[in-house]
Each structure stands twice: as structure tokens, then as C-alpha cells.
Amino acid sequence: MSTPQIKVVIVDDHPMVAEGIQAILESYDDINVLCTLRTGREIVDRVEDLAPDVILMDLNMPELGGLSATEMILERRPETRILILSMHDSPEYISSALSHGAKGYVLKDVPTDEIKTAIDTVMQGERYLCTGAEGSLRPTPSDQREQLTGREQTILLQLAQGKSNKEVALALDISVRTVETHRKNIKRKLGISSTAGLTRYALEHGVLQGTGVQL
């Protein structure tokens, strides 16, 4: 019995990059490259129909960047594994990608077989950082507490402004159920049980700075 193929979508606004990676991956019998797309918006709109196992995602793209697209994709199809493909090896880029839900980070100049290794690793449920990316991350005391994702930070801001789950859902164009799930995760990660506690946390950590909100 043959092993099911891993369904992959490549999202990069540079056709030569996307086509080069596609050619590499198509040399593997267990990889099926469904398509290459050029913007984050395209993959967000098509992810449910395409149902990829893995998305190789560029960071900087027109219309919708890789980080925002990653969050939106995971809200629509949480089981999708997203690997960020980037030229940037700074810790800020890598940490941000992981906090937005990416399962791995691969630099575009890695040896070609490393992209396949990354895909296999995230398919096994593990995180993958290529050598250059792994080396640029330095653990800090703040890493000891589970970090909020970018979307969770946005929702925390909305909740701290006194908005209801329904109001947050409308503002961010997501379902009330999704807001409720994020709210539970935020409380769990921060060790806070009440909405008042979330508001206090937001004030103490500068989440509300520059918003013009008076609490």
C-alpha cells in the first residue's frame, strides 16, 4: 500500500522562487504540490477548497503578508501546518512567525533537501527551525511564560476596551466561537481568571498605550 502524498501549496510573490521550490519538491514521490500562489489573500481565500497539509509561505507579499495570512488560515483550517520561507534570519522575524502560529521557519538559501526535511518534521507534529534560524534565537526569561500570539494580543486589546465577544467577532470578522476560544487561551497563558484581570494586565503591560482608551 502506497503512502499518502503530502499536499503542499507554495505561496511566494516571486515566480522564480516558487517555481524553483516546486521543481525540487516534485522530485519526491510522497509530495504533491497542489499549486503556487502569489499573495496571502489568495491562499486565505482558497485554503478550505485546496485543503493542503503544508503551506510554504513567504513573509513579505502584496495585499496580505505571510504573518496575517498565517493567522487567518489557522482560524479557517487549524490542522494546516505552515512553514515560513524567508530571507530574514533575525530573532524578531522568527519569534513573530512562531507566535503567529507557524510550525517552522526556513531560510530561502538552505540546501534544497532541507525544505523536504522541514515538511517531514512538521507533518510529524514537531516544530522545525533551519540551522540559521535556530541559531539566531536566544532564550530569554520572558520565554518561560507561554507567549500570546499576535491574534491573541489583538483580541486582548479589544477585550480590555470592554468589548463583548460578539463585538470583538464583528470587529475582526471572525466567529464568536473563535473569540471565546482565544479568550480562554489568553486567560490560561496569562494565569488570569477574570475580564477585570485581563484589563489590568493590559494596562500594566502597555497594551492600551496609544489607543486613546481611558479606563
Protein backbone atom coordinates (compact mmCIF):
# COMPACT_ATOMS: atom_id res chain seq x y z
CA MET A 1 0.00 0.00 0.00
CA SER A 2 1.49 3.34 -1.04
CA THR A 3 1.99 6.15 1.48
CA PRO A 4 -0.47 9.04 1.05
CA GLN A 5 1.13 12.06 -0.57
CA ILE A 6 1.73 15.23 1.42
CA LYS A 7 -0.30 18.02 -0.17
CA VAL A 8 1.73 21.23 -0.39
CA VAL A 9 0.94 24.78 -1.51
CA ILE A 10 3.72 27.31 -2.17
CA VAL A 11 2.88 30.99 -1.58
CA ASP A 12 5.51 33.46 -2.80
CA ASP A 13 5.19 36.56 -4.96
CA HIS A 14 8.48 35.79 -6.75
CA PRO A 15 7.61 33.28 -9.52
CA MET A 16 11.21 32.09 -9.93
CA VAL A 17 11.43 31.22 -6.23
CA ALA A 18 8.07 29.45 -6.19
CA GLU A 19 8.76 27.52 -9.40
CA GLY A 20 12.22 26.53 -8.19
CA ILE A 21 10.87 25.11 -4.93
CA GLN A 22 8.05 23.40 -6.82
CA ALA A 23 10.54 21.68 -9.14
CA ILE A 24 12.55 20.46 -6.16
CA LEU A 25 9.54 19.12 -4.25
CA GLU A 26 8.01 17.42 -7.26
CA SER A 27 11.08 15.19 -7.45
CA TYR A 28 9.83 13.44 -4.28
CA ASP A 29 7.25 10.70 -4.72
CA ASP A 30 5.48 11.49 -1.46
CA ILE A 31 4.95 15.21 -2.23
CA ASN A 32 2.07 16.62 -4.25
CA VAL A 33 2.43 20.35 -4.98
CA LEU A 34 -1.18 21.43 -5.44
CA CYS A 35 -0.34 24.89 -6.79
CA THR A 36 1.77 28.01 -6.35
CA LEU A 37 0.10 31.27 -5.33
CA ARG A 38 1.42 34.83 -5.23
CA THR A 39 -0.34 36.52 -2.29
CA GLY A 40 -1.51 35.77 1.22
CA ARG A 41 -5.02 36.78 0.18
CA GLU A 42 -5.14 34.04 -2.48
CA ILE A 43 -4.26 31.26 -0.06
CA VAL A 44 -6.63 32.55 2.64
CA ASP A 45 -9.49 32.53 0.11
CA ARG A 46 -8.64 29.07 -1.24
CA VAL A 47 -7.27 27.15 1.76
CA GLU A 48 -10.51 25.34 2.58
CA ASP A 49 -11.00 24.18 -1.01
CA LEU A 50 -7.35 23.19 -1.51
CA ALA A 51 -7.07 21.56 1.96
CA PRO A 52 -3.23 21.46 1.95
CA ASP A 53 -1.27 19.58 4.60
CA VAL A 54 1.60 22.08 4.47
CA ILE A 55 1.87 25.66 3.20
CA LEU A 56 5.27 27.14 2.39
CA MET A 57 4.67 30.84 3.00
CA ASP A 58 6.76 33.88 2.15
CA LEU A 59 6.68 36.70 4.74
CA ASN A 60 6.59 39.83 2.59
CA MET A 61 3.90 39.80 -0.08
CA PRO A 62 1.48 42.34 -1.58
CA GLU A 63 -2.14 42.59 -0.39
CA LEU A 64 -1.67 40.36 2.64
CA GLY A 65 1.62 39.41 4.28
CA GLY A 66 2.62 35.97 5.49
CA LEU A 67 2.02 36.57 9.20
CA SER A 68 -1.53 37.89 8.82
CA ALA A 69 -2.28 35.17 6.30
CA THR A 70 -0.98 32.53 8.73
CA GLU A 71 -3.39 33.64 11.46
CA MET A 72 -6.36 33.77 9.10
CA ILE A 73 -5.57 30.35 7.62
CA LEU A 74 -5.31 28.73 11.05
CA GLU A 75 -8.69 30.18 12.04
CA ARG A 76 -10.24 28.61 8.95
CA ARG A 77 -8.26 25.35 8.91
CA PRO A 78 -6.32 24.78 12.17
CA GLU A 79 -4.83 21.45 11.06
CA THR A 80 -2.78 23.11 8.30
CA ARG A 81 0.97 23.25 9.01
CA ILE A 82 2.59 26.50 7.90
CA LEU A 83 6.30 26.79 7.18
CA ILE A 84 7.61 30.31 6.75
CA LEU A 85 10.12 30.75 3.92
CA SER A 86 12.16 33.91 4.33
CA MET A 87 15.43 35.68 3.64
CA HIS A 88 15.35 37.23 7.13
CA ASP A 89 17.21 35.44 9.92
CA SER A 90 16.68 38.00 12.72
CA PRO A 91 15.22 36.69 16.01
CA GLU A 92 12.37 39.21 15.76
CA TYR A 93 11.13 37.79 12.47
CA ILE A 94 11.45 34.19 13.64
CA SER A 95 9.80 34.71 17.03
CA SER A 96 6.98 36.66 15.42
CA ALA A 97 6.36 33.93 12.85
CA LEU A 98 6.19 31.25 15.55
CA SER A 99 3.93 33.37 17.76
CA HIS A 100 1.52 33.78 14.85
CA GLY A 101 1.16 30.01 14.61
CA ALA A 102 3.79 28.94 12.07
CA LYS A 103 5.16 25.44 12.71
CA GLY A 104 8.57 26.20 11.28
CA TYR A 105 10.91 28.73 9.74
CA VAL A 106 13.24 28.04 6.83
CA LEU A 107 15.67 30.46 5.21
CA LYS A 108 15.46 30.62 1.43
CA ASP A 109 19.16 29.88 0.99
CA VAL A 110 19.09 26.49 2.75
CA PRO A 111 20.11 23.35 0.84
CA THR A 112 17.18 22.05 -1.17
CA ASP A 113 16.81 18.81 0.77
CA GLU A 114 16.32 20.80 3.99
CA ILE A 115 12.94 22.06 2.76
CA LYS A 116 11.83 18.43 2.45
CA THR A 117 13.18 17.71 5.93
CA ALA A 118 11.20 20.67 7.27
CA ILE A 119 7.99 19.40 5.66
CA ASP A 120 8.50 15.89 7.07
CA THR A 121 9.22 17.31 10.54
CA VAL A 122 6.09 19.46 10.78
CA MET A 123 4.00 16.60 9.38
CA GLN A 124 5.13 14.61 12.43
CA GLY A 125 3.74 17.35 14.66
CA GLU A 126 7.11 18.84 15.57
CA ARG A 127 8.49 22.35 15.12
CA TYR A 128 11.24 22.91 12.57
CA LEU A 129 13.80 25.71 12.56
CA CYS A 130 16.59 25.59 9.98
CA THR A 131 20.14 25.87 11.29
CA GLY A 132 20.46 29.62 10.66
CA ALA A 133 17.08 30.33 12.24
CA GLU A 134 17.68 28.10 15.27
CA GLY A 135 20.99 29.79 15.95
CA SER A 136 19.52 33.27 15.93
CA LEU A 137 17.01 32.55 18.68
CA ARG A 138 18.24 33.17 22.20
CA PRO A 139 16.06 32.15 25.14
CA THR A 140 15.10 34.99 27.48
CA PRO A 141 13.33 34.93 30.87
CA SER A 142 10.10 36.04 29.17
CA ASP A 143 10.11 32.81 27.16
CA GLN A 144 9.36 30.88 30.34
CA ARG A 145 5.73 32.02 30.11
CA GLU A 146 3.82 30.88 27.05
CA GLN A 147 3.66 33.86 24.68
CA LEU A 148 0.44 35.31 23.30
CA THR A 149 0.08 35.08 19.53
CA GLY A 150 -0.40 38.24 17.50
CA ARG A 151 -4.11 37.48 17.16
CA GLU A 152 -4.44 36.90 20.91
CA GLN A 153 -2.78 40.26 21.58
CA THR A 154 -5.28 41.92 19.24
CA ILE A 155 -8.20 40.24 20.99
CA LEU A 156 -6.78 41.12 24.42
CA LEU A 157 -6.74 44.77 23.34
CA GLN A 158 -10.38 44.55 22.22
CA LEU A 159 -11.48 42.83 25.44
CA ALA A 160 -9.55 45.30 27.58
CA GLN A 161 -11.54 48.07 25.90
CA GLY A 162 -14.67 46.49 27.34
CA LYS A 163 -15.97 44.89 24.15
CA SER A 164 -18.11 41.76 24.31
CA ASN A 165 -17.21 38.54 22.49
CA LYS A 166 -19.81 39.41 19.84
CA GLU A 167 -18.40 42.92 19.34
CA VAL A 168 -14.87 41.55 19.01
CA ALA A 169 -16.07 38.95 16.50
CA LEU A 170 -17.70 41.67 14.39
CA ALA A 171 -14.67 43.95 14.58
CA LEU A 172 -12.23 41.22 13.49
CA ASP A 173 -14.59 39.38 11.11
CA ILE A 174 -14.30 36.07 12.95
CA SER A 175 -16.85 33.86 14.69
CA VAL A 176 -17.94 34.34 18.30
CA ARG A 177 -16.78 30.76 18.97
CA THR A 178 -13.29 31.69 17.75
CA VAL A 179 -13.22 34.71 20.09
CA GLU A 180 -14.31 32.52 23.01
CA THR A 181 -11.53 30.04 22.25
CA HIS A 182 -8.92 32.82 22.06
CA ARG A 183 -10.26 34.32 25.28
CA LYS A 184 -9.84 31.01 27.13
CA ASN A 185 -6.31 30.61 25.74
CA ILE A 186 -5.37 34.15 26.77
CA LYS A 187 -6.60 33.60 30.32
CA ARG A 188 -4.80 30.26 30.52
CA LYS A 189 -1.49 31.63 29.22
CA LEU A 190 -1.59 34.68 31.50
CA GLY A 191 -2.96 32.83 34.50
CA ILE A 192 -5.87 35.27 34.73
CA SER A 193 -9.44 34.20 35.51
CA SER A 194 -11.49 37.40 35.10
CA THR A 195 -12.09 40.08 32.48
CA ALA A 196 -11.09 42.71 35.03
CA GLY A 197 -7.80 40.87 35.40
CA LEU A 198 -7.28 40.99 31.63
CA THR A 199 -7.91 44.75 31.65
CA ARG A 200 -5.45 45.23 34.50
CA TYR A 201 -2.83 43.14 32.66
CA ALA A 202 -3.35 45.21 29.51
CA LEU A 203 -2.84 48.44 31.45
CA GLU A 204 0.23 47.20 33.33
CA HIS A 205 1.90 45.89 30.15
CA GLY A 206 1.21 48.86 27.93
CA VAL A 207 -1.24 47.05 25.64
CA LEU A 208 -3.57 50.05 25.70
CA GLN A 209 -0.89 52.69 25.14
CA GLY A 210 -1.51 54.84 22.11
CA THR A 211 -5.09 53.66 21.66
CA GLY A 212 -6.70 56.68 23.25
CA VAL A 213 -8.67 54.42 25.55
CA GLN A 214 -9.36 55.72 29.03
CA LEU A 215 -10.13 53.07 31.65
